[in-house]
Amino acid sequence: MSRPKIALCLGGGGVTGAMYQIGVLAALEDAVEGLQANDFDLYVGASSGASVAAALAGGRPVQRIYRAVLDPADDYFPLERKHLLRMDLPEWRRAIATTWEVIQQGTESLLSRTPGPSPDVLWEQLDRFYDSLPAGFLTLDAYERFLEEFFIRRGVPNHFAAMPRRLRVMAHDLDSGEAVFFGSPGFDHVPVTRTCCASLALPPFYSPVRIGGRDYVDAGVAQVEQLDAAVRDGADVVVVVNPVVPVRSPGGGGMAADRQCVRDKGLMRVSSQAIRIASHKLLGEACKRVQARGDTDVVLIEPEPTDAILFLHNPASFAARRQILEYGYRTTRARMTRWFAVGSAALDRAGWRTSTPPGPRSSPPPPEADASRLAR
């Protein structure tokens, strides 16, 4: 019997989502005999998951990344806020110049009208103002330079053909709306670091990333297409580590003063929740569709909805980083223990066997068990 081809799909979820994925993968190494997170047959990454996938496909050990993210004094992967939060000054200069021109032309047009302008004319001027807004508030140029330096220092190739393992980085062409998987034939000539930035460029926060005369952005909720991409690439088993689940707030709908709803967190958290709802629903449907074909098994690992509140914490906080990393590790060890105990066709097909004794970071299982996320 031939060895099964196993793909790893890592989607978005921001910095906290990437931390969860690292914790999960470190736990998988300790839970599965002989498994190495940098030894899957195919890696498919989108958004923040693209950088994690690229590091693993380049041969970097997940245990080392785990320690580096956990310890702020460790310089193995010294990502700082300044690498991600830098204003796109050229875009803002263009927007300011265009806005000033719109204001001048609009003022002249409105003052020259007798009688006064109609509401339709006012809306027309407002539309022109919308068109002058910047394409994004921030730029990923600093993050790209940081990632390039990391690749050089840690010996990670910056070309898809040189990667020890196959890598696909997903982004969307802004003007055509088409999904693009960098690393696939015809899209494998671009530096890996550039494609990771294109995949991370989430509107309206980041400006689109230009590659070969085209603009690319974060795939958003369309990230579920990475599952189909893994199947098209011949994967027999697809492992999906998904940090993006809707937050189930204990205060949802409550009126008591001591209960908190997602709404209480403001606009950004409400928007995040809406994206999480849509993304999670689409991913669930994609997993069912792939599983129904019968030729590919899916292993889905994700947080419990009641625990997803962790991902609303400030990722710059050391306490939050430790909490999310350890949560990903602890819950995955407990989940794998349950799945091995009850048996699974997906794990059997992957050839995974439980590792004994437990790994060094093993923690007590969470109070609730839910094996429904393992596609049988």
Protein backbone atom coordinates (compact mmCIF):
# COMPACT_ATOMS: atom_id res chain seq x y z
CA MET A 1 0.00 0.00 0.00
CA SER A 2 1.42 3.40 -1.02
CA ARG A 3 2.06 6.09 1.54
CA PRO A 4 -0.87 8.54 1.76
CA LYS A 5 -0.34 12.14 0.69
CA ILE A 6 -1.17 14.45 3.58
CA ALA A 7 -1.79 18.18 3.13
CA LEU A 8 -1.86 20.85 5.82
CA CYS A 9 -4.18 23.84 5.33
CA LEU A 10 -3.60 26.92 7.47
CA GLY A 11 -6.05 29.80 7.10
CA GLY A 12 -6.18 33.28 8.55
CA GLY A 13 -7.07 34.60 11.96
CA GLY A 14 -4.50 37.32 12.48
CA VAL A 15 -1.55 37.08 14.84
CA THR A 16 -3.59 35.25 17.48
CA GLY A 17 -4.78 32.76 14.86
CA ALA A 18 -1.20 32.01 13.86
CA MET A 19 -0.31 31.44 17.51
CA TYR A 20 -3.16 28.96 17.85
CA GLN A 21 -1.94 27.10 14.75
CA ILE A 22 1.60 26.89 16.13
CA GLY A 23 0.30 25.50 19.43
CA VAL A 24 -1.85 22.94 17.60
CA LEU A 25 1.01 21.75 15.39
CA ALA A 26 3.39 21.46 18.34
CA ALA A 27 0.78 19.27 20.03
CA LEU A 28 0.33 17.12 16.93
CA GLU A 29 4.05 16.40 16.87
CA ASP A 30 3.92 15.22 20.48
CA ALA A 31 0.66 13.29 20.05
CA VAL A 32 1.37 11.43 16.80
CA GLU A 33 4.22 8.97 16.62
CA GLY A 34 6.89 10.05 14.15
CA LEU A 35 5.00 13.13 12.93
CA GLN A 36 6.96 16.27 12.08
CA ALA A 37 5.01 19.44 11.32
CA ASN A 38 7.60 20.38 8.67
CA ASP A 39 7.21 17.05 6.87
CA PHE A 40 3.71 17.20 5.33
CA ASP A 41 3.50 16.53 1.59
CA LEU A 42 1.77 19.81 0.80
CA TYR A 43 1.22 23.11 2.61
CA VAL A 44 -1.57 25.49 1.66
CA GLY A 45 -1.60 28.82 3.49
CA ALA A 46 -3.79 31.88 3.43
CA SER A 47 -3.55 35.20 5.26
CA SER A 48 -1.56 34.84 8.51
CA GLY A 49 -1.47 31.08 7.97
CA ALA A 50 0.60 31.61 4.82
CA SER A 51 3.64 32.74 6.81
CA VAL A 52 3.36 29.76 9.16
CA ALA A 53 2.97 27.39 6.19
CA ALA A 54 5.98 28.93 4.43
CA ALA A 55 8.22 28.52 7.49
CA LEU A 56 7.21 24.88 7.87
CA ALA A 57 7.51 24.09 4.16
CA GLY A 58 10.98 25.65 4.37
CA GLY A 59 11.97 23.10 7.00
CA ARG A 60 11.72 25.17 10.17
CA PRO A 61 10.78 23.09 13.25
CA VAL A 62 7.48 24.06 14.83
CA GLN A 63 8.79 23.34 18.33
CA ARG A 64 11.44 26.02 17.83
CA ILE A 65 8.87 28.50 16.55
CA TYR A 66 6.65 27.66 19.53
CA ARG A 67 9.44 28.54 21.98
CA ALA A 68 10.31 31.73 20.10
CA VAL A 69 6.75 33.05 20.08
CA LEU A 70 6.30 32.14 23.74
CA ASP A 71 9.44 33.93 24.92
CA PRO A 72 9.65 37.67 24.06
CA ALA A 73 13.41 37.56 24.72
CA ASP A 74 13.95 34.90 22.03
CA ASP A 75 15.19 36.44 18.77
CA TYR A 76 14.44 33.44 16.54
CA PHE A 77 11.34 35.11 15.10
CA PRO A 78 11.43 38.69 16.49
CA LEU A 79 8.17 39.97 15.03
CA GLU A 80 7.18 43.35 16.44
CA ARG A 81 4.16 45.60 16.10
CA LYS A 82 6.12 48.02 13.90
CA HIS A 83 6.42 45.38 11.20
CA LEU A 84 2.65 45.21 10.79
CA LEU A 85 1.45 48.69 11.74
CA ARG A 86 3.13 51.05 9.31
CA MET A 87 1.20 53.73 7.46
CA ASP A 88 1.15 53.50 3.68
CA LEU A 89 2.49 57.02 3.17
CA PRO A 90 2.57 57.00 -0.66
CA GLU A 91 -1.05 55.89 -0.73
CA TRP A 92 -2.03 58.56 1.78
CA ARG A 93 -0.20 61.26 -0.21
CA ARG A 94 -2.05 60.21 -3.34
CA ALA A 95 -5.36 60.20 -1.47
CA ILE A 96 -4.78 63.63 0.07
CA ALA A 97 -3.85 65.16 -3.28
CA THR A 98 -6.88 63.59 -4.95
CA THR A 99 -9.19 64.63 -2.11
CA TRP A 100 -7.99 68.24 -2.28
CA GLU A 101 -8.65 68.26 -6.01
CA VAL A 102 -12.13 66.82 -5.48
CA ILE A 103 -12.91 69.43 -2.81
CA GLN A 104 -11.77 72.28 -5.08
CA GLN A 105 -13.72 71.05 -8.09
CA GLY A 106 -16.78 70.22 -6.01
CA THR A 107 -16.80 73.62 -4.31
CA GLU A 108 -16.53 75.44 -7.63
CA SER A 109 -19.26 73.30 -9.14
CA LEU A 110 -21.65 73.80 -6.23
CA LEU A 111 -21.08 77.57 -5.98
CA SER A 112 -21.66 78.07 -9.70
CA ARG A 113 -25.13 76.54 -9.59
CA THR A 114 -28.22 78.76 -9.49
CA PRO A 115 -30.52 77.87 -7.85
CA GLY A 116 -28.74 75.73 -5.20
CA PRO A 117 -27.61 72.20 -5.98
CA SER A 118 -30.08 69.33 -5.81
CA PRO A 119 -29.56 66.33 -3.49
CA ASP A 120 -28.52 64.26 -6.51
CA VAL A 121 -25.67 66.65 -7.22
CA LEU A 122 -24.53 66.51 -3.60
CA TRP A 123 -24.49 62.71 -3.72
CA GLU A 124 -22.47 62.87 -6.95
CA GLN A 125 -19.83 64.97 -5.22
CA LEU A 126 -19.81 62.57 -2.27
CA ASP A 127 -19.22 59.64 -4.65
CA ARG A 128 -16.20 61.46 -6.06
CA PHE A 129 -14.92 61.86 -2.51
CA TYR A 130 -15.29 58.11 -1.89
CA ASP A 131 -13.18 57.41 -4.98
CA SER A 132 -10.37 59.52 -3.55
CA LEU A 133 -9.98 57.51 -0.34
CA PRO A 134 -6.75 55.49 0.08
CA ALA A 135 -6.74 51.86 -1.07
CA GLY A 136 -5.55 50.87 2.39
CA PHE A 137 -4.44 52.47 5.63
CA LEU A 138 -1.29 50.40 6.21
CA THR A 139 1.49 48.84 4.18
CA LEU A 140 3.12 45.42 4.54
CA ASP A 141 6.50 46.57 3.19
CA ALA A 142 8.12 46.40 6.63
CA TYR A 143 6.69 42.93 7.24
CA GLU A 144 8.02 41.75 3.87
CA ARG A 145 11.53 42.94 4.77
CA PHE A 146 11.24 41.27 8.17
CA LEU A 147 10.15 38.00 6.55
CA GLU A 148 12.98 38.18 4.00
CA GLU A 149 15.52 38.61 6.80
CA PHE A 150 14.00 35.70 8.71
CA PHE A 151 14.24 33.49 5.63
CA ILE A 152 17.88 34.42 5.10
CA ARG A 153 18.90 33.96 8.75
CA ARG A 154 17.08 30.65 9.15
CA GLY A 155 17.91 29.14 5.78
CA VAL A 156 14.41 29.18 4.32
CA PRO A 157 14.36 29.38 0.48
CA ASN A 158 12.52 32.36 -0.94
CA HIS A 159 11.59 30.55 -4.14
CA PHE A 160 8.84 27.96 -4.42
CA ALA A 161 10.94 25.56 -6.49
CA ALA A 162 13.64 25.47 -3.80
CA MET A 163 11.27 24.70 -0.93
CA PRO A 164 11.85 21.27 0.66
CA ARG A 165 8.08 20.71 0.60
CA ARG A 166 5.40 21.85 -1.81
CA LEU A 167 3.83 25.16 -0.84
CA ARG A 168 0.77 27.00 -2.10
CA VAL A 169 -0.03 30.54 -0.94
CA MET A 170 -3.56 31.75 -1.61
CA ALA A 171 -4.58 35.30 -2.50
CA HIS A 172 -7.24 36.94 -4.64
CA ASP A 173 -6.72 39.05 -7.74
CA LEU A 174 -8.38 42.35 -6.83
CA ASP A 175 -9.51 43.26 -10.34
CA SER A 176 -10.68 39.86 -11.58
CA GLY A 177 -11.86 38.40 -8.28
CA GLU A 178 -10.14 35.12 -9.11
CA ALA A 179 -8.40 32.99 -6.51
CA VAL A 180 -4.69 32.53 -7.16
CA PHE A 181 -2.48 29.88 -5.60
CA PHE A 182 1.09 31.09 -5.77
CA GLY A 183 3.49 28.18 -6.12
CA SER A 184 1.27 26.40 -8.64
CA PRO A 185 2.38 26.28 -12.31
CA GLY A 186 2.41 29.77 -13.79
CA PHE A 187 2.50 31.42 -10.36
CA ASP A 188 5.70 29.93 -8.97
CA HIS A 189 8.16 32.63 -10.09
CA VAL A 190 7.26 35.15 -7.36
CA PRO A 191 9.31 35.35 -4.13
CA VAL A 192 7.53 33.47 -1.35
CA THR A 193 7.75 36.43 1.02
CA ARG A 194 5.97 38.66 -1.50
CA THR A 195 3.11 36.18 -1.86
CA CYS A 196 2.76 35.90 1.93
CA CYS A 197 2.24 39.67 2.06
CA ALA A 198 -0.29 39.51 -0.79
CA SER A 199 -2.20 36.86 1.11
CA LEU A 200 -2.14 38.97 4.27
CA ALA A 201 -3.36 42.22 2.66
CA LEU A 202 -6.82 42.41 4.20
CA PRO A 203 -8.90 45.44 3.09
CA PRO A 204 -9.39 48.11 4.28
CA PHE A 205 -6.48 47.81 6.70
CA TYR A 206 -3.72 46.95 4.23
CA SER A 207 -3.18 48.27 0.73
CA PRO A 208 -3.27 45.64 -2.04
CA VAL A 209 0.08 44.08 -2.91
CA ARG A 210 1.18 44.43 -6.53
CA ILE A 211 2.72 41.42 -8.25
CA GLY A 212 3.44 41.39 -11.96
CA GLY A 213 1.22 44.37 -12.64
CA ARG A 214 -1.76 42.87 -10.76
CA ASP A 215 -3.08 43.74 -7.31
CA TYR A 216 -3.71 41.00 -4.76
CA VAL A 217 -5.54 40.96 -1.43
CA ASP A 218 -6.37 38.63 1.44
CA ALA A 219 -8.84 35.94 0.37
CA GLY A 220 -11.14 36.69 3.34
CA VAL A 221 -13.95 34.18 3.79
CA ALA A 222 -13.04 32.65 0.41
CA GLN A 223 -10.09 30.98 2.13
CA VAL A 224 -12.14 27.78 2.16
CA GLU A 225 -10.98 27.28 -1.44
CA GLN A 226 -7.63 26.14 -0.07
CA LEU A 227 -9.30 22.86 0.88
CA ASP A 228 -10.28 22.22 -2.73
CA ALA A 229 -6.77 23.21 -3.83
CA ALA A 230 -5.28 20.52 -1.59
CA VAL A 231 -7.66 17.95 -3.06
CA ARG A 232 -6.76 18.99 -6.62
CA ASP A 233 -3.11 18.54 -5.71
CA GLY A 234 -3.79 14.89 -4.91
CA ALA A 235 -4.05 14.91 -1.11
CA ASP A 236 -5.51 11.75 0.43
CA VAL A 237 -5.87 13.37 3.86
CA VAL A 238 -6.25 17.10 4.50
CA VAL A 239 -5.51 18.48 7.96
CA VAL A 240 -7.19 21.86 8.46
CA VAL A 241 -6.21 24.01 11.44
CA ASN A 242 -8.86 26.73 11.60
CA PRO A 243 -8.66 29.46 14.27
CA VAL A 244 -11.64 31.41 12.86
CA VAL A 245 -14.76 30.28 14.70
CA PRO A 246 -17.60 32.53 15.89
CA VAL A 247 -17.28 33.76 19.43
CA ARG A 248 -20.02 32.38 21.63
CA SER A 249 -20.19 35.00 24.33
CA PRO A 250 -21.72 33.92 27.65
CA GLY A 251 -23.41 37.32 27.74
CA GLY A 252 -25.03 37.03 24.33
CA GLY A 253 -28.45 38.62 24.51
CA GLY A 254 -28.12 39.20 28.23
CA MET A 255 -29.30 42.41 29.88
CA ALA A 256 -27.55 42.02 33.21
CA ALA A 257 -24.76 44.48 33.98
CA ASP A 258 -22.22 41.72 34.60
CA ARG A 259 -22.83 40.01 31.24
CA GLN A 260 -20.88 41.04 28.16
CA CYS A 261 -21.89 40.71 24.50
CA VAL A 262 -19.71 40.92 21.41
CA ARG A 263 -21.45 44.23 20.69
CA ASP A 264 -19.90 45.65 23.85
CA LYS A 265 -16.46 45.27 22.23
CA GLY A 266 -17.26 47.83 19.52
CA LEU A 267 -17.15 48.06 15.75
CA MET A 268 -13.98 46.03 15.10
CA ARG A 269 -15.14 43.08 17.18
CA VAL A 270 -18.59 43.12 15.60
CA SER A 271 -16.99 43.09 12.13
CA SER A 272 -14.68 40.27 13.18
CA GLN A 273 -17.62 38.25 14.45
CA ALA A 274 -19.49 38.70 11.17
CA ILE A 275 -16.46 37.45 9.22
CA ARG A 276 -16.05 34.51 11.60
CA ILE A 277 -19.68 33.47 11.17
CA ALA A 278 -19.47 33.49 7.37
CA SER A 279 -16.04 31.86 7.21
CA HIS A 280 -16.92 29.08 9.63
CA LYS A 281 -20.14 28.23 7.83
CA LEU A 282 -18.41 28.06 4.44
CA LEU A 283 -15.58 25.93 5.82
CA GLY A 284 -18.02 23.46 7.36
CA GLU A 285 -19.83 23.11 4.04
CA ALA A 286 -16.52 22.66 2.18
CA CYS A 287 -15.40 19.90 4.56
CA LYS A 288 -18.70 18.05 4.09
CA ARG A 289 -18.47 18.41 0.32
CA VAL A 290 -14.92 17.05 0.16
CA GLN A 291 -15.70 14.25 2.58
CA ALA A 292 -18.78 13.23 0.57
CA ARG A 293 -16.63 12.50 -2.48
CA GLY A 294 -15.13 9.57 -0.63
CA ASP A 295 -11.57 9.88 -1.96
CA THR A 296 -10.24 12.38 0.59
CA ASP A 297 -10.50 12.45 4.38
CA VAL A 298 -10.54 15.70 6.35
CA VAL A 299 -9.27 16.31 9.86
CA LEU A 300 -10.55 19.66 11.16
CA ILE A 301 -9.01 21.14 14.29
CA GLU A 302 -10.45 24.37 15.67
CA PRO A 303 -11.25 26.05 19.00
CA GLU A 304 -14.49 25.60 20.85
CA PRO A 305 -16.86 28.57 20.25
CA THR A 306 -17.02 29.24 23.97
CA ASP A 307 -13.21 29.52 24.03
CA ALA A 308 -12.89 31.76 20.96
CA ILE A 309 -13.08 34.83 23.20
CA LEU A 310 -9.36 34.20 23.71
CA PHE A 311 -8.75 35.39 20.17
CA LEU A 312 -10.14 38.83 20.95
CA HIS A 313 -7.20 39.51 23.26
CA ASN A 314 -4.40 41.89 22.34
CA PRO A 315 -1.78 39.74 20.54
CA ALA A 316 0.99 42.11 21.69
CA SER A 317 0.31 41.03 25.26
CA PHE A 318 2.76 38.41 26.56
CA ALA A 319 0.05 36.91 28.77
CA ALA A 320 -2.31 36.61 25.78
CA ARG A 321 0.38 34.95 23.63
CA ARG A 322 1.13 32.39 26.30
CA GLN A 323 -2.56 31.73 26.90
CA ILE A 324 -3.37 31.14 23.22
CA LEU A 325 -0.29 29.01 22.51
CA GLU A 326 -0.91 26.83 25.54
CA TYR A 327 -4.63 26.64 24.76
CA GLY A 328 -3.90 25.39 21.25
CA TYR A 329 -1.43 22.85 22.56
CA ARG A 330 -3.49 21.61 25.53
CA THR A 331 -6.81 21.22 23.73
CA THR A 332 -5.21 19.50 20.74
CA ARG A 333 -3.47 16.94 22.94
CA ALA A 334 -6.77 16.20 24.64
CA ARG A 335 -8.60 16.02 21.31
CA MET A 336 -6.06 13.61 19.79
CA THR A 337 -6.27 11.41 22.86
CA ARG A 338 -10.03 11.14 22.42
CA TRP A 339 -9.83 10.53 18.68
CA PHE A 340 -7.26 7.78 19.06
CA ALA A 341 -9.38 6.20 21.80
CA VAL A 342 -12.59 6.04 19.74
CA GLY A 343 -10.84 5.22 16.46
CA SER A 344 -11.02 7.11 13.19
CA ALA A 345 -10.87 6.22 9.52
CA ALA A 346 -9.17 9.56 8.80
CA LEU A 347 -6.36 8.96 11.29
CA ASP A 348 -5.99 5.37 10.10
CA ARG A 349 -5.73 6.49 6.49
CA ALA A 350 -3.08 9.04 7.45
CA GLY A 351 -1.17 6.25 9.17
CA TRP A 352 -1.13 8.16 12.46
CA ARG A 353 -0.53 6.26 15.68
CA THR A 354 -0.56 7.61 19.18
CA SER A 355 2.77 8.60 20.65
CA THR A 356 3.75 7.32 24.08
CA PRO A 357 4.66 8.64 26.53
CA PRO A 358 2.90 12.02 26.24
CA GLY A 359 4.96 15.00 25.11
CA PRO A 360 6.67 17.38 27.52
CA ARG A 361 3.98 20.06 27.42
CA SER A 362 1.02 17.75 27.97
CA SER A 363 -1.75 19.30 30.03
CA PRO A 364 -4.99 18.02 31.55
CA PRO A 365 -7.87 17.76 29.07
CA PRO A 366 -10.51 20.51 28.99
CA PRO A 367 -13.79 19.84 30.78
CA GLU A 368 -15.75 19.35 27.56
CA ALA A 369 -15.06 16.90 24.77
CA ASP A 370 -16.24 17.31 21.20
CA ALA A 371 -15.08 14.77 18.65
CA SER A 372 -17.51 15.98 15.99
CA ARG A 373 -14.80 18.03 14.29
CA LEU A 374 -13.00 14.93 13.09
CA ALA A 375 -14.43 14.11 9.66
CA ARG A 376 -14.84 10.37 9.63
